[in-house]
N, C-alpha and C. Protein backbone atom coordinates (compact mmCIF):
# COMPACT_ATOMS: atom_id res chain seq x y z
N UNK A 1 -272.19 -163.80 9.06
CA UNK A 1 -271.65 -162.68 9.33
C UNK A 1 -270.59 -161.58 8.38
N UNK A 2 -270.70 -160.49 7.74
CA UNK A 2 -269.18 -159.94 7.18
C UNK A 2 -268.97 -158.99 7.73
N UNK A 3 -267.51 -158.83 7.79
CA UNK A 3 -266.94 -157.65 8.51
C UNK A 3 -266.17 -156.91 7.24
N UNK A 4 -266.81 -155.52 7.97
CA UNK A 4 -265.98 -154.63 6.53
C UNK A 4 -265.74 -153.22 7.62
N UNK A 5 -264.80 -152.47 6.88
CA UNK A 5 -264.13 -151.26 7.94
C UNK A 5 -263.36 -150.86 7.02
N UNK A 6 -262.16 -150.10 7.65
CA UNK A 6 -261.19 -149.24 7.56
C UNK A 6 -260.50 -149.53 5.97
N UNK A 7 -259.88 -148.80 5.86
CA UNK A 7 -258.89 -148.57 4.57
C UNK A 7 -258.00 -149.47 3.92
N UNK A 8 -257.97 -150.79 4.69
CA UNK A 8 -257.01 -151.60 4.03
C UNK A 8 -257.49 -151.74 2.59
N UNK A 9 -255.94 -152.10 2.03
CA UNK A 9 -256.12 -152.74 0.31
C UNK A 9 -255.77 -153.76 0.34
N UNK A 10 -256.76 -154.54 -0.11
CA UNK A 10 -256.59 -156.12 -0.59
C UNK A 10 -255.91 -156.44 -2.02
N UNK A 11 -254.81 -156.63 -2.01
CA UNK A 11 -254.08 -157.06 -3.38
C UNK A 11 -254.63 -158.46 -4.24
N UNK A 12 -255.33 -158.94 -3.82
CA UNK A 12 -255.65 -160.19 -4.47
C UNK A 12 -257.00 -160.28 -5.44
N UNK A 13 -257.28 -161.10 -5.90
CA UNK A 13 -258.50 -161.22 -6.99
C UNK A 13 -259.53 -160.92 -6.52
N UNK A 14 -259.68 -161.18 -5.05
CA UNK A 14 -261.12 -161.52 -4.39
C UNK A 14 -261.28 -160.30 -3.11
N UNK A 15 -262.14 -159.68 -3.18
CA UNK A 15 -261.90 -158.50 -1.73
C UNK A 15 -262.40 -159.33 -0.86
N UNK A 16 -261.86 -159.41 0.27
CA UNK A 16 -261.94 -159.97 1.50
C UNK A 16 -262.23 -159.18 2.67
N UNK A 17 -263.92 -159.27 2.72
CA UNK A 17 -264.24 -157.72 3.73
C UNK A 17 -263.84 -158.22 5.04
N UNK A 18 -263.47 -159.33 5.61
CA UNK A 18 -263.03 -159.60 6.66
C UNK A 18 -261.21 -158.86 7.10
N UNK A 19 -260.97 -158.73 6.08
CA UNK A 19 -259.48 -157.87 6.18
C UNK A 19 -259.79 -156.79 7.08
N UNK A 20 -261.01 -156.08 7.00
CA UNK A 20 -261.02 -154.52 7.36
C UNK A 20 -261.63 -154.51 8.54
N UNK A 21 -261.78 -153.40 8.99
CA UNK A 21 -261.96 -152.79 10.48
C UNK A 21 -262.53 -153.56 11.59
N UNK A 22 -263.82 -154.37 11.73
CA UNK A 22 -264.21 -154.96 12.72
C UNK A 22 -265.55 -154.73 12.95
N UNK A 23 -266.28 -153.76 12.00
CA UNK A 23 -267.98 -153.69 12.20
C UNK A 23 -268.32 -154.68 11.59
N UNK A 24 -269.32 -155.52 12.77
CA UNK A 24 -269.97 -156.82 12.11
C UNK A 24 -271.31 -155.95 11.33
N UNK A 25 -271.42 -156.78 10.09
CA UNK A 25 -272.92 -156.54 9.04
C UNK A 25 -273.69 -157.52 9.04
N UNK A 26 -274.82 -157.80 9.34
CA UNK A 26 -275.46 -158.84 9.03
C UNK A 26 -275.43 -159.42 7.84
N UNK A 27 -275.83 -160.72 7.12
CA UNK A 27 -275.80 -160.98 5.73
C UNK A 27 -276.69 -160.06 5.20
N UNK A 28 -276.60 -159.44 3.73
CA UNK A 28 -277.34 -158.89 3.11
C UNK A 28 -277.66 -157.51 3.99
N UNK A 29 -276.96 -156.93 4.47
CA UNK A 29 -277.41 -155.26 5.16
C UNK A 29 -277.34 -154.61 4.02
N UNK A 30 -278.28 -153.40 4.01
CA UNK A 30 -278.37 -152.72 3.09
C UNK A 30 -278.94 -151.37 4.15
N UNK A 31 -277.99 -150.09 4.29
CA UNK A 31 -278.58 -149.09 4.94
C UNK A 31 -279.85 -148.37 4.88
N UNK A 32 -280.54 -148.33 5.91
CA UNK A 32 -282.03 -148.10 6.24
C UNK A 32 -281.87 -146.36 6.32
N UNK A 33 -283.13 -145.64 6.13
CA UNK A 33 -283.44 -144.44 6.69
C UNK A 33 -283.71 -144.60 8.11
N UNK A 34 -284.23 -145.86 8.58
CA UNK A 34 -284.50 -145.99 10.06
C UNK A 34 -283.61 -145.73 10.99
N UNK A 35 -282.13 -145.87 10.32
CA UNK A 35 -281.15 -146.04 11.20
C UNK A 35 -280.59 -144.48 11.15
N UNK A 36 -279.61 -144.20 12.42
CA UNK A 36 -279.08 -142.92 12.36
C UNK A 36 -277.95 -142.94 11.00
N UNK A 37 -278.19 -141.54 10.61
CA UNK A 37 -277.65 -141.17 9.42
C UNK A 37 -276.05 -141.39 9.20
N UNK A 38 -275.48 -142.13 8.42
CA UNK A 38 -273.86 -142.12 8.43
C UNK A 38 -273.46 -142.81 10.10
N UNK A 39 -273.98 -143.83 10.45
CA UNK A 39 -273.75 -144.25 11.79
C UNK A 39 -272.38 -145.21 11.10
N UNK A 40 -271.98 -146.03 12.21
CA UNK A 40 -270.52 -146.74 12.06
C UNK A 40 -270.86 -148.08 10.87
N UNK A 41 -272.28 -148.55 11.19
CA UNK A 41 -272.34 -149.49 10.39
C UNK A 41 -272.51 -148.93 8.66
N UNK A 42 -273.42 -148.06 8.54
CA UNK A 42 -273.60 -147.61 7.21
C UNK A 42 -272.24 -147.17 6.49
N UNK A 43 -271.11 -146.65 7.41
CA UNK A 43 -269.99 -146.46 6.91
C UNK A 43 -269.24 -147.36 6.58
N UNK A 44 -269.32 -148.65 7.69
CA UNK A 44 -268.21 -149.76 6.98
C UNK A 44 -269.04 -150.23 6.05
N UNK A 45 -270.42 -150.20 5.57
CA UNK A 45 -270.83 -151.16 4.23
C UNK A 45 -270.53 -150.01 3.16
N UNK A 46 -270.30 -148.53 3.29
CA UNK A 46 -269.86 -148.15 2.10
C UNK A 46 -268.30 -147.99 1.97
N UNK A 47 -267.60 -148.22 3.15
CA UNK A 47 -266.22 -148.36 2.70
C UNK A 47 -266.33 -149.43 2.22
N UNK A 48 -266.92 -150.88 2.56
CA UNK A 48 -266.72 -151.85 2.05
C UNK A 48 -266.95 -152.06 0.54
N UNK A 49 -267.97 -151.34 0.26
CA UNK A 49 -268.71 -151.43 -1.32
C UNK A 49 -267.56 -150.52 -2.38
N UNK A 50 -267.12 -149.45 -1.60
CA UNK A 50 -265.80 -148.58 -2.31
C UNK A 50 -264.74 -149.40 -2.48
N UNK A 51 -263.94 -150.07 -1.27
CA UNK A 51 -263.25 -150.88 -1.67
C UNK A 51 -263.23 -152.28 -2.75
N UNK A 52 -264.45 -152.92 -2.38
CA UNK A 52 -264.84 -153.71 -3.56
C UNK A 52 -264.85 -153.04 -4.97
N UNK A 53 -265.38 -152.15 -5.34
CA UNK A 53 -265.53 -151.41 -6.35
C UNK A 53 -264.00 -151.15 -6.91
N UNK A 54 -263.03 -151.01 -6.26
CA UNK A 54 -261.76 -150.27 -6.47
C UNK A 54 -261.12 -151.79 -6.89
N UNK A 55 -261.20 -152.69 -6.03
CA UNK A 55 -260.57 -153.90 -6.18
C UNK A 55 -260.94 -154.65 -7.62
N UNK A 56 -262.03 -154.43 -8.12
CA UNK A 56 -262.67 -155.08 -9.13
C UNK A 56 -261.89 -154.01 -10.75
N UNK A 57 -261.86 -152.75 -10.22
CA UNK A 57 -261.19 -151.84 -11.23
C UNK A 57 -259.83 -152.48 -11.37
N UNK A 58 -259.17 -152.42 -10.65
CA UNK A 58 -257.70 -153.02 -10.43
C UNK A 58 -257.40 -154.33 -10.86
N UNK A 59 -258.50 -155.19 -10.71
CA UNK A 59 -258.19 -156.40 -11.26
C UNK A 59 -258.51 -156.57 -12.65
N UNK A 60 -259.59 -155.89 -13.13
CA UNK A 60 -259.72 -155.89 -14.91
C UNK A 60 -258.61 -155.20 -15.23
N UNK A 61 -257.88 -153.72 -14.87
CA UNK A 61 -256.86 -153.34 -15.37
C UNK A 61 -255.52 -154.41 -15.63
N UNK A 62 -255.40 -155.26 -14.58
CA UNK A 62 -254.40 -156.16 -14.72
C UNK A 62 -254.54 -157.00 -15.39
N UNK A 63 -255.84 -157.75 -15.76
CA UNK A 63 -256.16 -158.68 -16.88
C UNK A 63 -255.89 -157.70 -18.51
N UNK A 64 -256.41 -156.60 -18.21
CA UNK A 64 -256.00 -155.62 -19.90
C UNK A 64 -254.61 -155.78 -19.75
N UNK A 65 -253.89 -155.45 -18.84
CA UNK A 65 -252.51 -155.46 -19.02
C UNK A 65 -251.68 -156.89 -19.46
N UNK A 66 -252.19 -157.77 -19.06
CA UNK A 66 -251.64 -159.22 -19.15
C UNK A 66 -251.74 -159.90 -20.44
N UNK A 67 -253.38 -158.93 -21.08
CA UNK A 67 -253.85 -159.47 -22.06
C UNK A 67 -252.94 -158.76 -23.37
N UNK A 68 -252.61 -157.09 -23.14
CA UNK A 68 -251.94 -156.77 -24.03
C UNK A 68 -250.37 -157.17 -24.19
N UNK A 69 -250.03 -157.41 -22.93
CA UNK A 69 -248.54 -158.23 -23.05
C UNK A 69 -248.49 -159.49 -23.81
N UNK A 70 -249.52 -160.32 -23.53
CA UNK A 70 -249.51 -161.61 -24.29
C UNK A 70 -250.08 -161.35 -25.64
N UNK A 71 -250.76 -160.77 -26.38
CA UNK A 71 -251.19 -160.81 -27.42
C UNK A 71 -250.67 -159.54 -28.45
N UNK A 72 -250.31 -160.17 -29.31
CA UNK A 72 -249.70 -158.94 -30.34
C UNK A 72 -250.51 -158.56 -31.53
N UNK A 73 -250.15 -157.49 -31.97
CA UNK A 73 -251.16 -156.90 -33.18
C UNK A 73 -250.60 -157.30 -34.73
N UNK A 74 -250.18 -158.61 -34.83
CA UNK A 74 -249.74 -158.91 -35.84
C UNK A 74 -250.86 -159.79 -36.70
N UNK A 75 -251.93 -158.88 -36.91
CA UNK A 75 -252.77 -159.27 -37.93
C UNK A 75 -252.35 -158.99 -39.16
N UNK A 76 -252.52 -160.57 -39.97
CA UNK A 76 -251.94 -160.27 -41.82
C UNK A 76 -252.68 -159.21 -42.03
N UNK A 77 -253.89 -159.34 -42.10
CA UNK A 77 -254.75 -158.51 -42.80
C UNK A 77 -254.93 -157.09 -42.45
N UNK A 78 -254.78 -156.06 -43.52
CA UNK A 78 -254.68 -154.83 -42.71
C UNK A 78 -256.05 -154.24 -41.87
N UNK A 79 -257.50 -154.88 -42.12
CA UNK A 79 -258.43 -154.45 -41.92
C UNK A 79 -258.57 -155.36 -40.53
N UNK A 80 -258.00 -156.56 -40.68
CA UNK A 80 -258.19 -157.07 -39.19
C UNK A 80 -257.49 -156.42 -38.39
N UNK A 81 -256.26 -155.41 -38.42
CA UNK A 81 -255.28 -155.05 -37.61
C UNK A 81 -255.54 -154.08 -37.30
N UNK A 82 -256.53 -153.03 -38.29
CA UNK A 82 -257.31 -151.89 -37.66
C UNK A 82 -258.36 -152.23 -37.15
N UNK A 83 -259.22 -153.36 -37.04
CA UNK A 83 -259.97 -153.51 -36.17
C UNK A 83 -259.65 -153.99 -34.85
N UNK A 84 -258.71 -154.79 -34.70
CA UNK A 84 -257.86 -154.85 -33.47
C UNK A 84 -257.47 -153.81 -33.00
N UNK A 85 -256.82 -152.71 -33.35
CA UNK A 85 -256.07 -151.48 -32.83
C UNK A 85 -257.17 -150.59 -32.32
N UNK A 86 -258.69 -150.49 -33.15
CA UNK A 86 -259.89 -150.02 -32.58
C UNK A 86 -260.24 -150.62 -31.06
N UNK A 87 -260.34 -151.68 -31.04
CA UNK A 87 -260.85 -152.61 -30.49
C UNK A 87 -260.02 -152.21 -29.12
N UNK A 88 -258.73 -152.14 -28.78
CA UNK A 88 -257.51 -151.86 -27.92
C UNK A 88 -257.54 -150.61 -27.61
N UNK A 89 -257.84 -149.33 -28.64
CA UNK A 89 -258.05 -148.10 -28.30
C UNK A 89 -259.29 -147.91 -27.21
N UNK A 90 -260.34 -148.53 -27.52
CA UNK A 90 -261.11 -148.13 -26.61
C UNK A 90 -261.21 -149.13 -25.59
N UNK A 91 -260.70 -150.03 -25.48
CA UNK A 91 -260.27 -150.36 -24.06
C UNK A 91 -259.15 -149.66 -23.15
N UNK A 92 -258.27 -149.45 -23.89
CA UNK A 92 -256.96 -148.43 -23.30
C UNK A 92 -258.28 -147.36 -22.72
N UNK A 93 -259.14 -146.43 -23.42
CA UNK A 93 -259.88 -145.20 -23.08
C UNK A 93 -260.59 -145.56 -21.69
N UNK A 94 -261.06 -147.00 -21.98
CA UNK A 94 -261.91 -147.20 -20.57
C UNK A 94 -261.12 -147.28 -19.53
N UNK A 95 -260.18 -147.83 -19.62
CA UNK A 95 -258.98 -148.20 -18.32
C UNK A 95 -258.70 -146.64 -18.10
N UNK A 96 -258.29 -145.96 -18.83
CA UNK A 96 -258.29 -144.34 -18.40
C UNK A 96 -259.37 -143.91 -17.63
N UNK A 97 -260.73 -143.93 -17.88
CA UNK A 97 -261.55 -143.37 -17.13
C UNK A 97 -261.76 -144.16 -15.69
N UNK A 98 -261.26 -145.30 -15.78
CA UNK A 98 -261.47 -146.08 -14.39
C UNK A 98 -260.67 -145.62 -13.45
N UNK A 99 -259.60 -145.33 -14.45
CA UNK A 99 -258.22 -144.97 -13.29
C UNK A 99 -258.51 -143.65 -12.86
N UNK A 100 -259.11 -142.49 -13.46
CA UNK A 100 -259.33 -141.72 -12.81
C UNK A 100 -260.82 -141.91 -11.85
N UNK A 101 -261.66 -142.68 -11.83
CA UNK A 101 -262.65 -143.37 -10.72
C UNK A 101 -261.89 -143.77 -9.45
N UNK A 102 -260.63 -144.25 -10.03
CA UNK A 102 -259.90 -144.47 -8.82
C UNK A 102 -259.47 -143.80 -7.95
N UNK A 103 -259.24 -142.47 -8.40
CA UNK A 103 -259.08 -141.26 -7.41
C UNK A 103 -260.09 -140.91 -6.81
N UNK A 104 -261.37 -140.74 -7.25
CA UNK A 104 -262.59 -140.38 -6.58
C UNK A 104 -262.92 -141.18 -5.37
N UNK A 105 -262.92 -142.76 -5.99
CA UNK A 105 -263.07 -143.84 -4.90
C UNK A 105 -262.09 -143.59 -3.80
N UNK A 106 -260.78 -143.06 -4.04
CA UNK A 106 -259.87 -142.93 -2.65
C UNK A 106 -260.64 -141.43 -2.08
N UNK A 107 -260.62 -140.71 -2.81
CA UNK A 107 -261.50 -139.40 -1.97
C UNK A 107 -262.57 -139.83 -1.07
N UNK A 108 -263.31 -140.53 -1.73
CA UNK A 108 -264.53 -141.22 -1.19
C UNK A 108 -264.13 -141.85 0.31
N UNK A 109 -263.10 -142.65 0.21
CA UNK A 109 -262.76 -143.37 1.32
C UNK A 109 -262.18 -142.28 2.62
N UNK A 110 -261.30 -141.41 1.92
CA UNK A 110 -260.82 -140.43 2.97
C UNK A 110 -262.07 -139.79 3.41
N UNK A 111 -263.27 -139.12 2.90
CA UNK A 111 -263.82 -138.68 3.51
C UNK A 111 -264.87 -139.53 4.66
N UNK A 112 -264.67 -140.92 4.44
CA UNK A 112 -265.50 -141.63 5.31
C UNK A 112 -264.04 -141.80 6.48
N UNK A 113 -263.31 -141.40 6.35
CA UNK A 113 -262.36 -141.48 7.40
C UNK A 113 -262.40 -140.49 8.04
N UNK A 114 -262.47 -138.94 7.61
CA UNK A 114 -263.07 -137.73 8.21
C UNK A 114 -264.37 -137.67 8.54
N UNK A 115 -265.46 -138.32 8.52
CA UNK A 115 -266.45 -138.18 9.00
C UNK A 115 -267.19 -137.53 8.15
N UNK A 116 -266.92 -137.10 6.76
CA UNK A 116 -267.67 -135.95 6.01
C UNK A 116 -268.18 -136.73 5.06
N UNK A 117 -268.10 -138.38 5.03
CA UNK A 117 -268.93 -138.84 3.67
C UNK A 117 -270.36 -139.00 3.93
N UNK A 118 -270.77 -138.72 2.93
CA UNK A 118 -272.34 -139.08 2.63
C UNK A 118 -273.06 -137.59 2.99
N UNK A 119 -272.15 -136.82 2.89
CA UNK A 119 -272.68 -135.19 3.29
C UNK A 119 -272.26 -134.38 2.05
N UNK A 120 -273.60 -133.52 1.58
CA UNK A 120 -272.94 -132.49 0.49
C UNK A 120 -271.94 -131.70 0.93
N UNK A 121 -270.93 -131.63 -0.50
CA UNK A 121 -269.93 -130.54 -0.07
C UNK A 121 -270.30 -129.15 -0.21
N UNK A 122 -271.89 -129.07 -0.97
CA UNK A 122 -272.22 -127.60 -1.30
C UNK A 122 -272.94 -127.07 0.05
N UNK A 123 -274.01 -128.19 0.10
CA UNK A 123 -274.98 -127.41 1.17
C UNK A 123 -274.77 -127.95 2.60
N UNK A 124 -273.94 -129.32 3.02
CA UNK A 124 -273.85 -129.62 3.98
C UNK A 124 -274.91 -130.76 4.43
N UNK A 125 -275.80 -130.62 3.31
CA UNK A 125 -276.68 -131.73 4.24
C UNK A 125 -276.53 -133.39 3.80
N UNK A 126 -277.25 -133.89 4.67
CA UNK A 126 -276.90 -135.54 4.00
C UNK A 126 -277.64 -135.74 2.63
N UNK A 127 -276.53 -136.68 1.97
CA UNK A 127 -277.09 -137.30 0.22
C UNK A 127 -277.68 -138.31 0.79
N UNK A 128 -279.05 -138.50 0.03
CA UNK A 128 -279.81 -139.97 0.37
C UNK A 128 -279.44 -140.96 0.20
N UNK A 129 -279.43 -141.97 0.97
CA UNK A 129 -278.66 -143.21 0.65
C UNK A 129 -278.53 -143.85 -0.39
N UNK A 130 -280.33 -143.70 -1.38
CA UNK A 130 -280.38 -144.12 -2.61
C UNK A 130 -279.44 -143.66 -3.54
N UNK A 131 -279.24 -142.28 -3.37
CA UNK A 131 -278.08 -141.61 -4.53
C UNK A 131 -276.71 -142.36 -4.18
N UNK A 132 -276.37 -142.70 -2.49
CA UNK A 132 -275.03 -143.14 -2.34
C UNK A 132 -275.11 -144.64 -2.86
N UNK A 133 -275.99 -145.43 -2.81
CA UNK A 133 -276.15 -146.75 -2.90
C UNK A 133 -275.98 -146.76 -4.49
N UNK A 134 -276.56 -145.74 -5.55
CA UNK A 134 -276.40 -146.07 -6.54
C UNK A 134 -274.97 -145.54 -7.15
N UNK A 135 -274.53 -144.35 -6.58
CA UNK A 135 -273.07 -143.48 -6.80
C UNK A 135 -272.42 -143.25 -5.64
N UNK A 136 -271.53 -144.36 -5.09
CA UNK A 136 -271.07 -144.26 -3.85
C UNK A 136 -270.19 -143.19 -3.81
N UNK A 137 -269.30 -142.42 -4.79
CA UNK A 137 -268.56 -141.56 -5.13
C UNK A 137 -269.15 -140.20 -4.81
N UNK A 138 -270.78 -140.06 -4.69
CA UNK A 138 -271.19 -138.63 -4.69
C UNK A 138 -270.61 -137.90 -3.67
N UNK A 139 -270.62 -136.60 -4.23
CA UNK A 139 -270.31 -135.51 -3.08
C UNK A 139 -271.23 -134.66 -3.12
N UNK A 140 -271.93 -134.65 -3.91
CA UNK A 140 -273.51 -133.55 -3.82
C UNK A 140 -274.90 -134.15 -3.83
N UNK A 141 -275.66 -133.42 -3.03
CA UNK A 141 -277.07 -133.98 -3.01
C UNK A 141 -277.41 -133.94 -4.63
N UNK A 142 -278.52 -134.68 -4.87
CA UNK A 142 -278.96 -134.74 -6.27
C UNK A 142 -279.52 -133.07 -6.74
N UNK A 143 -280.16 -132.42 -5.86
CA UNK A 143 -280.56 -131.09 -6.33
C UNK A 143 -279.12 -130.30 -6.26
N UNK A 144 -278.17 -130.27 -5.46
CA UNK A 144 -276.96 -129.74 -5.76
C UNK A 144 -276.13 -130.06 -6.75
N UNK A 145 -276.52 -131.14 -7.35
CA UNK A 145 -275.63 -131.69 -8.23
C UNK A 145 -276.52 -130.90 -9.78
N UNK A 146 -277.70 -131.47 -9.77
CA UNK A 146 -278.36 -130.44 -10.63
C UNK A 146 -278.18 -129.31 -11.09
N UNK A 147 -278.11 -128.41 -9.93
CA UNK A 147 -277.97 -126.82 -9.94
C UNK A 147 -276.31 -126.72 -10.64
N UNK A 148 -275.63 -127.47 -10.13
CA UNK A 148 -274.00 -127.73 -10.65
C UNK A 148 -274.06 -127.53 -11.88
N UNK A 149 -274.48 -128.62 -12.54
CA UNK A 149 -274.98 -128.83 -14.08
C UNK A 149 -275.46 -128.12 -14.66
N UNK A 150 -276.63 -127.04 -14.37
CA UNK A 150 -277.33 -126.13 -15.01
C UNK A 150 -276.41 -124.91 -15.03
N UNK A 151 -275.60 -124.57 -13.83
CA UNK A 151 -274.70 -123.33 -14.09
C UNK A 151 -273.33 -123.78 -14.95
N UNK A 152 -273.05 -124.88 -15.48
CA UNK A 152 -272.22 -125.50 -15.89
C UNK A 152 -272.20 -125.05 -17.17
N UNK A 153 -273.55 -125.75 -17.44
CA UNK A 153 -274.11 -125.88 -19.09
C UNK A 153 -274.35 -124.24 -19.16
N UNK A 154 -274.78 -123.24 -18.78
CA UNK A 154 -274.63 -121.59 -19.04
C UNK A 154 -273.63 -121.41 -19.58
N UNK A 155 -272.78 -121.50 -18.39
CA UNK A 155 -271.23 -120.97 -18.41
C UNK A 155 -270.77 -121.46 -19.84
N UNK A 156 -271.01 -122.93 -20.16
CA UNK A 156 -270.66 -123.18 -21.46
C UNK A 156 -270.93 -122.68 -22.10
N UNK A 157 -272.35 -122.61 -22.53
CA UNK A 157 -273.26 -121.75 -23.74
C UNK A 157 -272.47 -120.67 -23.94
N UNK A 158 -271.83 -119.77 -23.16
CA UNK A 158 -271.72 -118.59 -23.19
C UNK A 158 -270.38 -118.47 -24.11
């Protein structure tokens, strides 16, 4: 049995699902359309998924920082140095995108606590479990997201 739940943050290299609330999930549990939407189990499942994702991002960021601090860019060859600087620039841009992702993960965790998780912020309809599984930070149904992107494209093109 796996136990997942509330918004406890685990600062270790390995996410420990037993640290959080106490809703027991059977091994290999996956939310199903046969259950009541966003019941306690589904909330615990997505909370655990979000916390694990956040923990992975933070761990990768720590590893990047440690590598940056331990490795220097003292390449003797100008071309090698330029190549290394380009690699680090790409790595740092990736970390910056992931930093922004953490705020979206935190917002999703807050929505779980407030009972709003899994419901479209535009229509109020349930977001499909498949969409939440693929993108646990989703705030809109696929249809609402597509409409939003079409409107965004129209205003950008004008």
